[in-house]
Amino acid sequence: MRRLAAVVAAALLLTGCSTNAAVDEPPAPRPAKALAAEKCDEPTPTGKIDRLGYDLRFTRGAIRIKVRDVRGERCVQFAKWGNANIDVPPDSLLYYFSGGRGDGAQVEFRAVDLAGGKLPDTRPLGRLDHPINATVGVSIDGVYYTSPTCALTLTVSNSRRAAGRFACPQALAQTANPFDPSDDVSFDDPPASPPPATAVLSGRFDVY
C-alpha cells in the first residue's frame, strides 16, 4: 500500500510541476458506477495468455468489484486510470482503477507468477491454467479494504488485452487509504486499535 501511495503521489507531483496545468493534467477519472450484484459475476473475455510479465500497457477498461461487509453487498465499477504501463519495479504488475473522490480499486500480482519463474524467461512454458496469488484493494464510501491473499484467474493476458476474475475470502479495512492519501493519517495502526472491519471481495477486470 505504501508503494501505491508513492506512485499516486509522484504522479500528482509531476502534474504540479507543469507550467500549464490545464493542458498537462491527466483527465479526471470517470465517476464510479453502482451496478446490480450479478454484473460483478459476469464472465470475462477469454483469449491467448502470453507468459510475459513485462512491457504491458493498457489505457482503457474497467474493474467490477463486489464488496460484502456489515453494510450489505454492493457491486461497483471503476474505470482504468493512471499510467498505461502496469510494470511496478522490481517485480509487480499493477492494474489501477479510479472513480475519483477517493474511490477506486487495484489488482497487483508478481510478474514472475505470470512469466513462470524468472524474467525474462526463454524456456517453453505451458498454459497458465491455475489461479495465482494477488493483492486486491478497494476504496468505497470512505473505507479502504485490502487483502494480499486473493485468488486471481487470468482468462486472457497479452500485449493487447488482459482480463481475469478474483476472489478474496477476507479483506481488512485499513486506516490509510492510498486513493485518498492524507498527511494526517498514519500508515501504521496504533497498537491498541480495535480489530479492523472485514469484507469479502470478488469481481472481474478487463483492460485493453
N, C-alpha and C. Protein backbone atom coordinates (compact mmCIF):
# COMPACT_ATOMS: atom_id res chain seq x y z
N MET A 1 0.83 -1.19 0.00
CA MET A 1 0.00 0.00 0.00
C MET A 1 0.87 1.25 0.00
N ARG A 2 2.04 1.19 0.71
CA ARG A 2 2.96 2.31 0.68
C ARG A 2 3.39 2.60 -0.76
N ARG A 3 3.66 1.50 -1.54
CA ARG A 3 4.15 1.67 -2.89
C ARG A 3 3.09 2.33 -3.76
N LEU A 4 1.82 1.92 -3.64
CA LEU A 4 0.76 2.52 -4.43
C LEU A 4 0.59 3.98 -4.09
N ALA A 5 0.66 4.33 -2.80
CA ALA A 5 0.53 5.73 -2.40
C ALA A 5 1.66 6.55 -2.98
N ALA A 6 2.89 5.97 -3.02
CA ALA A 6 4.03 6.69 -3.58
C ALA A 6 3.85 6.92 -5.07
N VAL A 7 3.32 5.91 -5.79
CA VAL A 7 3.07 6.06 -7.23
C VAL A 7 2.08 7.18 -7.48
N VAL A 8 0.98 7.21 -6.71
CA VAL A 8 -0.02 8.26 -6.88
C VAL A 8 0.57 9.62 -6.56
N ALA A 9 1.35 9.72 -5.47
CA ALA A 9 1.94 11.00 -5.08
C ALA A 9 2.91 11.51 -6.13
N ALA A 10 3.69 10.60 -6.72
CA ALA A 10 4.63 11.00 -7.76
C ALA A 10 3.91 11.55 -8.98
N ALA A 11 2.80 10.92 -9.35
CA ALA A 11 2.03 11.40 -10.49
C ALA A 11 1.48 12.80 -10.23
N LEU A 12 1.01 13.04 -9.01
CA LEU A 12 0.49 14.36 -8.67
C LEU A 12 1.58 15.40 -8.66
N LEU A 13 2.80 15.03 -8.19
CA LEU A 13 3.91 15.96 -8.16
C LEU A 13 4.31 16.38 -9.55
N LEU A 14 4.39 15.42 -10.47
CA LEU A 14 4.75 15.74 -11.84
C LEU A 14 3.74 16.67 -12.48
N THR A 15 2.46 16.45 -12.17
CA THR A 15 1.43 17.31 -12.70
C THR A 15 1.58 18.72 -12.15
N GLY A 16 1.89 18.83 -10.84
CA GLY A 16 2.00 20.13 -10.22
C GLY A 16 3.18 20.92 -10.74
N CYS A 17 4.23 20.26 -11.29
CA CYS A 17 5.39 20.96 -11.80
C CYS A 17 5.16 21.53 -13.19
N SER A 18 4.06 21.22 -13.80
CA SER A 18 3.79 21.69 -15.16
C SER A 18 3.58 23.20 -15.17
N THR A 19 4.00 23.85 -16.25
CA THR A 19 3.79 25.28 -16.40
C THR A 19 2.41 25.59 -16.91
N ASN A 20 1.69 24.58 -17.39
CA ASN A 20 0.35 24.79 -17.89
C ASN A 20 -0.50 23.63 -17.45
N ALA A 21 -1.01 23.70 -16.20
CA ALA A 21 -1.74 22.57 -15.62
C ALA A 21 -2.98 22.24 -16.41
N ALA A 22 -3.61 23.22 -17.03
CA ALA A 22 -4.84 22.98 -17.77
C ALA A 22 -4.59 22.07 -18.96
N VAL A 23 -3.35 22.13 -19.50
CA VAL A 23 -3.02 21.30 -20.66
C VAL A 23 -2.46 19.96 -20.22
N ASP A 24 -1.59 19.96 -19.17
CA ASP A 24 -0.83 18.77 -18.83
C ASP A 24 -1.51 17.86 -17.82
N GLU A 25 -2.56 18.30 -17.14
CA GLU A 25 -3.23 17.45 -16.17
C GLU A 25 -3.85 16.24 -16.84
N PRO A 26 -3.73 15.04 -16.24
CA PRO A 26 -4.43 13.88 -16.80
C PRO A 26 -5.93 14.08 -16.67
N PRO A 27 -6.69 13.45 -17.54
CA PRO A 27 -8.14 13.60 -17.44
C PRO A 27 -8.65 13.08 -16.12
N ALA A 28 -9.68 13.72 -15.60
CA ALA A 28 -10.26 13.29 -14.32
C ALA A 28 -10.86 11.90 -14.48
N PRO A 29 -10.78 11.07 -13.44
CA PRO A 29 -11.38 9.73 -13.52
C PRO A 29 -12.88 9.81 -13.74
N ARG A 30 -13.40 8.84 -14.49
CA ARG A 30 -14.85 8.78 -14.63
C ARG A 30 -15.46 8.34 -13.31
N PRO A 31 -16.63 8.87 -12.96
CA PRO A 31 -17.25 8.51 -11.68
C PRO A 31 -17.53 7.01 -11.59
N ALA A 32 -17.48 6.49 -10.38
CA ALA A 32 -17.81 5.09 -10.15
C ALA A 32 -19.27 4.83 -10.49
N LYS A 33 -19.55 3.59 -10.92
CA LYS A 33 -20.92 3.20 -11.26
C LYS A 33 -21.40 2.11 -10.31
N ALA A 34 -22.55 2.29 -9.73
CA ALA A 34 -23.18 1.23 -8.93
C ALA A 34 -23.94 0.32 -9.88
N LEU A 35 -23.68 -0.98 -9.79
CA LEU A 35 -24.30 -1.96 -10.68
C LEU A 35 -25.07 -2.99 -9.88
N ALA A 36 -25.94 -3.70 -10.59
CA ALA A 36 -26.61 -4.84 -9.97
C ALA A 36 -25.57 -5.89 -9.60
N ALA A 37 -25.79 -6.61 -8.50
CA ALA A 37 -24.80 -7.55 -7.98
C ALA A 37 -24.37 -8.58 -9.01
N GLU A 38 -25.30 -9.02 -9.86
CA GLU A 38 -24.96 -10.07 -10.82
C GLU A 38 -23.97 -9.58 -11.89
N LYS A 39 -23.86 -8.26 -12.07
CA LYS A 39 -22.93 -7.73 -13.06
C LYS A 39 -21.48 -8.02 -12.67
N CYS A 40 -21.22 -8.14 -11.38
CA CYS A 40 -19.87 -8.46 -10.92
C CYS A 40 -19.53 -9.93 -11.12
N ASP A 41 -20.53 -10.74 -11.42
CA ASP A 41 -20.32 -12.17 -11.60
C ASP A 41 -20.27 -12.58 -13.07
N GLU A 42 -20.42 -11.62 -13.98
CA GLU A 42 -20.41 -11.95 -15.40
C GLU A 42 -19.04 -12.50 -15.82
N PRO A 43 -19.01 -13.41 -16.78
CA PRO A 43 -17.74 -13.97 -17.23
C PRO A 43 -16.87 -12.93 -17.92
N THR A 44 -15.58 -13.13 -17.88
CA THR A 44 -14.64 -12.23 -18.53
C THR A 44 -14.28 -12.78 -19.91
N PRO A 45 -13.76 -11.91 -20.79
CA PRO A 45 -13.32 -12.40 -22.11
C PRO A 45 -12.23 -13.45 -21.96
N THR A 46 -12.15 -14.32 -22.91
CA THR A 46 -11.10 -15.34 -22.93
C THR A 46 -10.23 -15.13 -24.15
N GLY A 47 -9.01 -15.62 -24.08
CA GLY A 47 -8.09 -15.47 -25.20
C GLY A 47 -6.72 -15.99 -24.86
N LYS A 48 -5.75 -15.63 -25.67
CA LYS A 48 -4.39 -16.12 -25.51
C LYS A 48 -3.76 -15.53 -24.25
N ILE A 49 -3.09 -16.38 -23.49
CA ILE A 49 -2.35 -15.94 -22.32
C ILE A 49 -0.86 -16.09 -22.62
N ASP A 50 -0.21 -14.96 -22.88
CA ASP A 50 1.24 -14.96 -23.09
C ASP A 50 1.92 -14.95 -21.73
N ARG A 51 2.90 -15.82 -21.54
CA ARG A 51 3.60 -15.90 -20.25
C ARG A 51 4.68 -14.82 -20.19
N LEU A 52 4.26 -13.57 -20.34
CA LEU A 52 5.17 -12.43 -20.30
C LEU A 52 4.77 -11.53 -19.14
N GLY A 53 5.74 -11.14 -18.34
CA GLY A 53 5.46 -10.30 -17.19
C GLY A 53 6.09 -8.93 -17.28
N TYR A 54 6.26 -8.40 -18.50
CA TYR A 54 6.88 -7.09 -18.65
C TYR A 54 6.41 -6.44 -19.95
N ASP A 55 6.61 -5.11 -20.03
CA ASP A 55 6.29 -4.34 -21.24
C ASP A 55 4.81 -4.50 -21.62
N LEU A 56 3.92 -4.36 -20.64
CA LEU A 56 2.48 -4.43 -20.87
C LEU A 56 1.87 -3.06 -20.63
N ARG A 57 1.08 -2.59 -21.58
CA ARG A 57 0.50 -1.25 -21.49
C ARG A 57 -0.99 -1.31 -21.86
N PHE A 58 -1.82 -0.72 -21.00
CA PHE A 58 -3.26 -0.69 -21.24
C PHE A 58 -3.79 0.69 -20.84
N THR A 59 -4.67 1.23 -21.65
CA THR A 59 -5.18 2.59 -21.39
C THR A 59 -6.68 2.62 -21.10
N ARG A 60 -7.40 1.56 -21.44
CA ARG A 60 -8.85 1.56 -21.27
C ARG A 60 -9.30 0.28 -20.56
N GLY A 61 -10.55 0.29 -20.15
CA GLY A 61 -11.10 -0.88 -19.48
C GLY A 61 -11.72 -0.51 -18.15
N ALA A 62 -12.06 -1.54 -17.37
CA ALA A 62 -12.74 -1.29 -16.10
C ALA A 62 -12.62 -2.52 -15.19
N ILE A 63 -12.88 -2.28 -13.93
CA ILE A 63 -12.98 -3.35 -12.94
C ILE A 63 -14.37 -3.28 -12.33
N ARG A 64 -14.96 -4.43 -12.10
CA ARG A 64 -16.20 -4.53 -11.34
C ARG A 64 -15.89 -5.33 -10.09
N ILE A 65 -16.16 -4.73 -8.95
CA ILE A 65 -15.78 -5.38 -7.70
C ILE A 65 -16.97 -5.41 -6.74
N LYS A 66 -17.22 -6.58 -6.20
CA LYS A 66 -18.32 -6.77 -5.26
C LYS A 66 -17.75 -6.75 -3.85
N VAL A 67 -18.35 -5.93 -3.01
CA VAL A 67 -17.93 -5.80 -1.61
C VAL A 67 -19.08 -6.26 -0.72
N ARG A 68 -18.82 -7.25 0.12
CA ARG A 68 -19.82 -7.71 1.08
C ARG A 68 -19.28 -7.51 2.49
N ASP A 69 -19.89 -6.56 3.21
CA ASP A 69 -19.49 -6.26 4.58
C ASP A 69 -20.73 -6.06 5.44
N VAL A 70 -20.57 -5.47 6.62
CA VAL A 70 -21.70 -5.32 7.53
C VAL A 70 -22.78 -4.40 6.96
N ARG A 71 -22.42 -3.61 5.96
CA ARG A 71 -23.40 -2.70 5.36
C ARG A 71 -24.19 -3.34 4.23
N GLY A 72 -23.85 -4.57 3.88
CA GLY A 72 -24.56 -5.26 2.82
C GLY A 72 -23.63 -5.62 1.67
N GLU A 73 -24.22 -5.82 0.51
CA GLU A 73 -23.48 -6.24 -0.67
C GLU A 73 -23.64 -5.19 -1.76
N ARG A 74 -22.49 -4.78 -2.34
CA ARG A 74 -22.52 -3.78 -3.41
C ARG A 74 -21.60 -4.22 -4.54
N CYS A 75 -22.00 -3.90 -5.76
CA CYS A 75 -21.17 -4.12 -6.94
C CYS A 75 -20.90 -2.76 -7.55
N VAL A 76 -19.61 -2.42 -7.68
CA VAL A 76 -19.22 -1.10 -8.16
C VAL A 76 -18.23 -1.24 -9.30
N GLN A 77 -18.35 -0.37 -10.28
CA GLN A 77 -17.43 -0.37 -11.42
C GLN A 77 -16.56 0.88 -11.40
N PHE A 78 -15.24 0.68 -11.58
CA PHE A 78 -14.29 1.78 -11.71
C PHE A 78 -13.57 1.65 -13.04
N ALA A 79 -13.29 2.79 -13.67
CA ALA A 79 -12.61 2.79 -14.96
C ALA A 79 -11.09 2.73 -14.80
N LYS A 80 -10.42 2.15 -15.79
CA LYS A 80 -8.95 2.14 -15.81
C LYS A 80 -8.45 3.57 -15.77
N TRP A 81 -7.40 3.78 -14.98
CA TRP A 81 -6.87 5.13 -14.82
C TRP A 81 -5.39 5.06 -14.49
N GLY A 82 -4.69 6.17 -14.70
CA GLY A 82 -3.29 6.23 -14.33
C GLY A 82 -2.37 5.80 -15.45
N ASN A 83 -1.16 5.42 -15.08
CA ASN A 83 -0.12 5.07 -16.03
C ASN A 83 -0.54 3.87 -16.88
N ALA A 84 -0.33 4.00 -18.20
CA ALA A 84 -0.66 2.88 -19.09
C ALA A 84 0.26 1.69 -18.84
N ASN A 85 1.51 1.96 -18.48
CA ASN A 85 2.47 0.89 -18.18
C ASN A 85 2.17 0.31 -16.80
N ILE A 86 1.84 -0.96 -16.74
CA ILE A 86 1.44 -1.56 -15.46
C ILE A 86 2.62 -2.14 -14.68
N ASP A 87 3.85 -2.05 -15.23
CA ASP A 87 5.02 -2.55 -14.52
C ASP A 87 5.33 -1.69 -13.31
N VAL A 88 5.53 -2.31 -12.16
CA VAL A 88 5.97 -1.62 -10.95
C VAL A 88 7.23 -2.32 -10.46
N PRO A 89 8.40 -1.71 -10.64
CA PRO A 89 9.64 -2.37 -10.21
C PRO A 89 9.60 -2.68 -8.71
N PRO A 90 10.28 -3.75 -8.26
CA PRO A 90 11.11 -4.58 -9.13
C PRO A 90 10.37 -5.75 -9.78
N ASP A 91 9.21 -6.14 -9.28
CA ASP A 91 8.63 -7.39 -9.77
C ASP A 91 7.12 -7.44 -9.54
N SER A 92 6.41 -6.42 -9.98
CA SER A 92 4.95 -6.43 -9.81
C SER A 92 4.26 -5.89 -11.05
N LEU A 93 3.04 -6.33 -11.23
CA LEU A 93 2.14 -5.78 -12.24
C LEU A 93 0.95 -5.21 -11.49
N LEU A 94 0.65 -3.93 -11.75
CA LEU A 94 -0.39 -3.23 -11.01
C LEU A 94 -1.43 -2.67 -11.96
N TYR A 95 -2.66 -3.14 -11.81
CA TYR A 95 -3.80 -2.61 -12.57
C TYR A 95 -4.53 -1.63 -11.65
N TYR A 96 -4.62 -0.37 -12.08
CA TYR A 96 -5.13 0.70 -11.22
C TYR A 96 -6.40 1.29 -11.83
N PHE A 97 -7.42 1.42 -11.00
CA PHE A 97 -8.72 1.92 -11.45
C PHE A 97 -9.20 2.99 -10.46
N SER A 98 -9.88 4.00 -10.97
CA SER A 98 -10.31 5.08 -10.09
C SER A 98 -11.70 5.57 -10.45
N GLY A 99 -12.43 5.96 -9.42
CA GLY A 99 -13.73 6.58 -9.61
C GLY A 99 -13.74 8.02 -9.13
N GLY A 100 -12.56 8.54 -8.76
CA GLY A 100 -12.48 9.90 -8.23
C GLY A 100 -13.03 9.98 -6.82
N ARG A 101 -12.87 11.14 -6.21
CA ARG A 101 -13.40 11.39 -4.86
C ARG A 101 -12.92 10.37 -3.83
N GLY A 102 -11.71 9.86 -4.02
CA GLY A 102 -11.15 8.92 -3.05
C GLY A 102 -11.58 7.48 -3.23
N ASP A 103 -12.33 7.18 -4.28
CA ASP A 103 -12.79 5.81 -4.53
C ASP A 103 -11.96 5.18 -5.64
N GLY A 104 -11.77 3.88 -5.56
CA GLY A 104 -11.03 3.18 -6.61
C GLY A 104 -10.70 1.76 -6.19
N ALA A 105 -9.97 1.08 -7.06
CA ALA A 105 -9.58 -0.31 -6.79
C ALA A 105 -8.30 -0.62 -7.53
N GLN A 106 -7.58 -1.63 -7.05
CA GLN A 106 -6.38 -2.08 -7.75
C GLN A 106 -6.19 -3.56 -7.59
N VAL A 107 -5.53 -4.16 -8.59
CA VAL A 107 -5.16 -5.57 -8.56
C VAL A 107 -3.66 -5.63 -8.83
N GLU A 108 -2.92 -6.29 -7.95
CA GLU A 108 -1.47 -6.36 -8.08
C GLU A 108 -1.01 -7.80 -7.87
N PHE A 109 -0.07 -8.25 -8.72
CA PHE A 109 0.50 -9.58 -8.53
C PHE A 109 1.92 -9.60 -9.05
N ARG A 110 2.66 -10.64 -8.69
CA ARG A 110 4.06 -10.73 -9.07
C ARG A 110 4.19 -11.09 -10.55
N ALA A 111 5.06 -10.38 -11.24
CA ALA A 111 5.26 -10.65 -12.66
C ALA A 111 5.78 -12.06 -12.91
N VAL A 112 6.60 -12.56 -11.98
CA VAL A 112 7.15 -13.91 -12.18
C VAL A 112 6.08 -14.98 -12.11
N ASP A 113 4.98 -14.71 -11.42
CA ASP A 113 3.91 -15.70 -11.37
C ASP A 113 3.24 -15.85 -12.73
N LEU A 114 3.22 -14.77 -13.50
CA LEU A 114 2.71 -14.85 -14.86
C LEU A 114 3.77 -15.43 -15.80
N ALA A 115 5.02 -15.03 -15.60
CA ALA A 115 6.09 -15.45 -16.51
C ALA A 115 6.58 -16.86 -16.23
N GLY A 116 6.27 -17.42 -15.07
CA GLY A 116 6.62 -18.80 -14.83
C GLY A 116 7.92 -19.03 -14.10
N GLY A 117 8.49 -18.01 -13.46
CA GLY A 117 9.67 -18.27 -12.65
C GLY A 117 10.70 -17.17 -12.64
N LYS A 118 11.10 -16.67 -13.83
CA LYS A 118 12.11 -15.61 -13.86
C LYS A 118 11.84 -14.72 -15.06
N LEU A 119 12.42 -13.51 -15.02
CA LEU A 119 12.22 -12.52 -16.08
C LEU A 119 13.57 -12.10 -16.67
N PRO A 120 13.70 -12.04 -18.03
CA PRO A 120 12.75 -12.69 -18.96
C PRO A 120 12.98 -14.20 -18.97
N ASP A 121 11.95 -14.95 -19.27
CA ASP A 121 12.03 -16.40 -19.27
C ASP A 121 11.97 -16.89 -20.71
N THR A 122 13.04 -17.57 -21.15
CA THR A 122 13.12 -18.04 -22.53
C THR A 122 12.72 -19.50 -22.68
N ARG A 123 12.41 -20.15 -21.56
CA ARG A 123 12.01 -21.55 -21.64
C ARG A 123 10.60 -21.68 -22.20
N PRO A 124 10.32 -22.77 -22.92
CA PRO A 124 8.92 -23.00 -23.32
C PRO A 124 8.07 -23.20 -22.08
N LEU A 125 6.96 -22.49 -22.01
CA LEU A 125 6.09 -22.57 -20.84
C LEU A 125 4.73 -23.13 -21.24
N GLY A 126 4.14 -23.87 -20.34
CA GLY A 126 2.81 -24.39 -20.60
C GLY A 126 1.74 -23.35 -20.34
N ARG A 127 0.52 -23.77 -20.46
CA ARG A 127 -0.60 -22.86 -20.24
C ARG A 127 -0.71 -22.49 -18.76
N LEU A 128 -1.16 -21.27 -18.53
CA LEU A 128 -1.44 -20.84 -17.16
C LEU A 128 -2.88 -21.25 -16.86
N ASP A 129 -3.04 -22.43 -16.30
CA ASP A 129 -4.38 -22.99 -16.10
C ASP A 129 -4.76 -23.09 -14.63
N HIS A 130 -4.13 -22.25 -13.81
CA HIS A 130 -4.43 -22.27 -12.38
C HIS A 130 -4.44 -20.84 -11.86
N PRO A 131 -5.12 -20.59 -10.75
CA PRO A 131 -5.12 -19.24 -10.16
C PRO A 131 -3.74 -18.89 -9.61
N ILE A 132 -3.45 -17.60 -9.59
CA ILE A 132 -2.23 -17.10 -8.98
C ILE A 132 -2.62 -16.16 -7.83
N ASN A 133 -1.68 -15.92 -6.95
CA ASN A 133 -1.96 -15.05 -5.81
C ASN A 133 -1.90 -13.57 -6.23
N ALA A 134 -2.81 -12.78 -5.68
CA ALA A 134 -2.85 -11.35 -5.99
C ALA A 134 -3.25 -10.56 -4.75
N THR A 135 -2.87 -9.30 -4.74
CA THR A 135 -3.34 -8.36 -3.73
C THR A 135 -4.40 -7.48 -4.37
N VAL A 136 -5.56 -7.43 -3.76
CA VAL A 136 -6.67 -6.63 -4.27
C VAL A 136 -7.08 -5.63 -3.20
N GLY A 137 -7.32 -4.41 -3.60
CA GLY A 137 -7.79 -3.38 -2.68
C GLY A 137 -8.90 -2.58 -3.30
N VAL A 138 -9.79 -2.07 -2.47
CA VAL A 138 -10.90 -1.25 -2.97
C VAL A 138 -11.22 -0.18 -1.93
N SER A 139 -11.43 1.02 -2.41
CA SER A 139 -11.86 2.13 -1.56
C SER A 139 -13.26 2.53 -1.99
N ILE A 140 -14.20 2.43 -1.06
CA ILE A 140 -15.58 2.74 -1.39
C ILE A 140 -16.26 3.32 -0.15
N ASP A 141 -16.94 4.43 -0.36
CA ASP A 141 -17.68 5.09 0.72
C ASP A 141 -16.80 5.40 1.93
N GLY A 142 -15.55 5.79 1.65
CA GLY A 142 -14.66 6.20 2.73
C GLY A 142 -13.94 5.08 3.45
N VAL A 143 -14.12 3.83 3.03
CA VAL A 143 -13.47 2.69 3.67
C VAL A 143 -12.58 1.99 2.65
N TYR A 144 -11.32 1.72 3.03
CA TYR A 144 -10.40 1.01 2.16
C TYR A 144 -10.17 -0.40 2.68
N TYR A 145 -10.59 -1.39 1.88
CA TYR A 145 -10.37 -2.80 2.21
C TYR A 145 -9.25 -3.34 1.32
N THR A 146 -8.41 -4.21 1.87
CA THR A 146 -7.39 -4.85 1.06
C THR A 146 -7.09 -6.24 1.58
N SER A 147 -6.68 -7.12 0.66
CA SER A 147 -6.27 -8.47 1.01
C SER A 147 -5.09 -8.89 0.14
N PRO A 148 -4.02 -9.43 0.75
CA PRO A 148 -2.86 -9.88 -0.01
C PRO A 148 -2.96 -11.35 -0.43
N THR A 149 -4.09 -11.99 -0.17
CA THR A 149 -4.20 -13.43 -0.43
C THR A 149 -5.43 -13.74 -1.27
N CYS A 150 -5.56 -13.05 -2.38
CA CYS A 150 -6.69 -13.28 -3.28
C CYS A 150 -6.30 -14.26 -4.38
N ALA A 151 -7.26 -15.04 -4.82
CA ALA A 151 -7.04 -15.97 -5.93
C ALA A 151 -7.45 -15.27 -7.23
N LEU A 152 -6.49 -15.12 -8.14
CA LEU A 152 -6.73 -14.45 -9.42
C LEU A 152 -6.61 -15.45 -10.56
N THR A 153 -7.67 -15.55 -11.36
CA THR A 153 -7.66 -16.41 -12.53
C THR A 153 -7.67 -15.54 -13.78
N LEU A 154 -6.56 -15.52 -14.50
CA LEU A 154 -6.48 -14.75 -15.73
C LEU A 154 -7.13 -15.54 -16.86
N THR A 155 -7.99 -14.87 -17.63
CA THR A 155 -8.66 -15.54 -18.75
C THR A 155 -8.11 -15.08 -20.10
N VAL A 156 -7.40 -13.98 -20.12
CA VAL A 156 -6.66 -13.52 -21.29
C VAL A 156 -5.57 -12.58 -20.78
N SER A 157 -4.39 -12.67 -21.35
CA SER A 157 -3.29 -11.80 -20.95
C SER A 157 -2.25 -11.77 -22.06
N ASN A 158 -2.22 -10.67 -22.78
CA ASN A 158 -1.24 -10.47 -23.83
C ASN A 158 -1.05 -8.96 -24.03
N SER A 159 -0.32 -8.59 -25.05
CA SER A 159 0.00 -7.17 -25.23
C SER A 159 -1.20 -6.34 -25.64
N ARG A 160 -2.30 -6.96 -26.03
CA ARG A 160 -3.48 -6.21 -26.47
C ARG A 160 -4.59 -6.18 -25.43
N ARG A 161 -4.65 -7.19 -24.57
CA ARG A 161 -5.76 -7.25 -23.63
C ARG A 161 -5.40 -8.11 -22.42
N ALA A 162 -6.00 -7.78 -21.29
CA ALA A 162 -5.85 -8.60 -20.09
C ALA A 162 -7.18 -8.60 -19.34
N ALA A 163 -7.57 -9.76 -18.85
CA ALA A 163 -8.82 -9.87 -18.11
C ALA A 163 -8.71 -11.04 -17.15
N GLY A 164 -9.48 -10.96 -16.08
CA GLY A 164 -9.46 -12.04 -15.13
C GLY A 164 -10.51 -11.85 -14.04
N ARG A 165 -10.63 -12.89 -13.22
CA ARG A 165 -11.56 -12.89 -12.10
C ARG A 165 -10.77 -13.10 -10.82
N PHE A 166 -11.28 -12.55 -9.72
CA PHE A 166 -10.58 -12.67 -8.45
C PHE A 166 -11.58 -12.91 -7.32
N ALA A 167 -11.07 -13.52 -6.25
CA ALA A 167 -11.89 -13.78 -5.06
C ALA A 167 -11.01 -13.62 -3.84
N CYS A 168 -11.49 -12.86 -2.87
CA CYS A 168 -10.76 -12.61 -1.62
C CYS A 168 -11.68 -12.96 -0.45
N PRO A 169 -11.48 -14.10 0.18
CA PRO A 169 -12.39 -14.51 1.26
C PRO A 169 -12.42 -13.55 2.44
N GLN A 170 -11.30 -12.86 2.70
CA GLN A 170 -11.30 -11.90 3.80
C GLN A 170 -10.36 -10.73 3.48
N ALA A 171 -10.93 -9.54 3.43
CA ALA A 171 -10.16 -8.31 3.28
C ALA A 171 -10.36 -7.47 4.53
N LEU A 172 -9.30 -6.77 4.93
CA LEU A 172 -9.33 -5.99 6.16
C LEU A 172 -9.39 -4.50 5.84
N ALA A 173 -10.17 -3.76 6.61
CA ALA A 173 -10.21 -2.30 6.48
C ALA A 173 -8.90 -1.72 7.00
N GLN A 174 -8.39 -0.71 6.29
CA GLN A 174 -7.14 -0.06 6.66
C GLN A 174 -7.37 1.40 7.01
N THR A 175 -6.57 1.91 7.96
CA THR A 175 -6.67 3.32 8.32
C THR A 175 -6.21 4.21 7.18
N ALA A 176 -5.08 3.86 6.55
CA ALA A 176 -4.54 4.64 5.44
C ALA A 176 -5.18 4.20 4.13
N ASN A 177 -5.59 5.17 3.33
CA ASN A 177 -6.26 4.90 2.06
C ASN A 177 -5.41 5.47 0.93
N PRO A 178 -4.79 4.62 0.10
CA PRO A 178 -3.93 5.13 -0.98
C PRO A 178 -4.69 5.92 -2.04
N PHE A 179 -6.01 5.75 -2.10
CA PHE A 179 -6.81 6.52 -3.06
C PHE A 179 -7.20 7.90 -2.52
N ASP A 180 -6.98 8.09 -1.23
CA ASP A 180 -7.30 9.37 -0.61
C ASP A 180 -6.23 9.67 0.43
N PRO A 181 -4.96 9.83 -0.01
CA PRO A 181 -3.85 9.98 0.94
C PRO A 181 -3.98 11.26 1.75
N SER A 182 -3.55 11.19 3.00
CA SER A 182 -3.61 12.34 3.89
C SER A 182 -2.41 12.30 4.81
N ASP A 183 -1.76 13.45 4.98
CA ASP A 183 -0.62 13.53 5.89
C ASP A 183 -1.04 13.37 7.34
N ASP A 184 -2.34 13.48 7.60
CA ASP A 184 -2.82 13.39 8.98
C ASP A 184 -3.11 11.95 9.41
N VAL A 185 -2.95 10.99 8.49
CA VAL A 185 -3.26 9.60 8.80
C VAL A 185 -1.99 8.78 8.77
N SER A 186 -1.73 8.04 9.83
CA SER A 186 -0.55 7.19 9.90
C SER A 186 -0.77 5.91 9.11
N PHE A 187 0.30 5.43 8.45
CA PHE A 187 0.21 4.17 7.73
C PHE A 187 0.35 2.98 8.68
N ASP A 188 0.68 3.25 9.95
CA ASP A 188 0.82 2.19 10.94
C ASP A 188 -0.32 2.31 11.95
N ASP A 189 -1.12 1.25 12.07
CA ASP A 189 -2.21 1.28 13.03
C ASP A 189 -1.67 1.35 14.45
N PRO A 190 -2.29 2.10 15.33
CA PRO A 190 -1.82 2.16 16.73
C PRO A 190 -1.95 0.79 17.38
N PRO A 191 -1.06 0.48 18.34
CA PRO A 191 -1.06 -0.88 18.93
C PRO A 191 -2.36 -1.23 19.66
N ALA A 192 -3.10 -0.23 20.13
CA ALA A 192 -4.32 -0.51 20.89
C ALA A 192 -5.58 -0.37 20.04
N SER A 193 -5.43 -0.37 18.72
CA SER A 193 -6.58 -0.18 17.85
C SER A 193 -7.50 -1.40 17.92
N PRO A 194 -8.81 -1.21 17.75
CA PRO A 194 -9.74 -2.33 17.76
C PRO A 194 -9.56 -3.20 16.50
N PRO A 195 -10.07 -4.41 16.51
CA PRO A 195 -9.96 -5.25 15.32
C PRO A 195 -10.57 -4.55 14.11
N PRO A 196 -9.90 -4.62 12.95
CA PRO A 196 -10.42 -3.92 11.77
C PRO A 196 -11.68 -4.60 11.23
N ALA A 197 -12.49 -3.81 10.57
CA ALA A 197 -13.67 -4.36 9.89
C ALA A 197 -13.21 -5.27 8.75
N THR A 198 -14.03 -6.23 8.40
CA THR A 198 -13.68 -7.17 7.34
C THR A 198 -14.74 -7.15 6.24
N ALA A 199 -14.33 -7.64 5.07
CA ALA A 199 -15.24 -7.74 3.93
C ALA A 199 -14.81 -8.90 3.05
N VAL A 200 -15.73 -9.39 2.27
CA VAL A 200 -15.44 -10.38 1.24
C VAL A 200 -15.45 -9.64 -0.11
N LEU A 201 -14.38 -9.81 -0.89
CA LEU A 201 -14.27 -9.15 -2.18
C LEU A 201 -14.27 -10.18 -3.30
N SER A 202 -14.89 -9.83 -4.40
CA SER A 202 -14.83 -10.66 -5.61
C SER A 202 -15.15 -9.78 -6.80
N GLY A 203 -14.83 -10.28 -7.99
CA GLY A 203 -15.15 -9.49 -9.17
C GLY A 203 -14.33 -9.84 -10.38
N ARG A 204 -14.24 -8.88 -11.28
CA ARG A 204 -13.62 -9.11 -12.58
C ARG A 204 -12.99 -7.81 -13.07
N PHE A 205 -11.97 -7.94 -13.93
CA PHE A 205 -11.44 -6.76 -14.62
C PHE A 205 -11.15 -7.10 -16.07
N ASP A 206 -11.14 -6.07 -16.89
CA ASP A 206 -10.93 -6.23 -18.33
C ASP A 206 -10.31 -4.94 -18.84
N VAL A 207 -9.05 -5.01 -19.30
CA VAL A 207 -8.35 -3.83 -19.79
C VAL A 207 -7.78 -4.11 -21.18
N TYR A 208 -7.59 -3.04 -21.95
CA TYR A 208 -7.07 -3.19 -23.31
C TYR A 208 -6.43 -1.90 -23.76
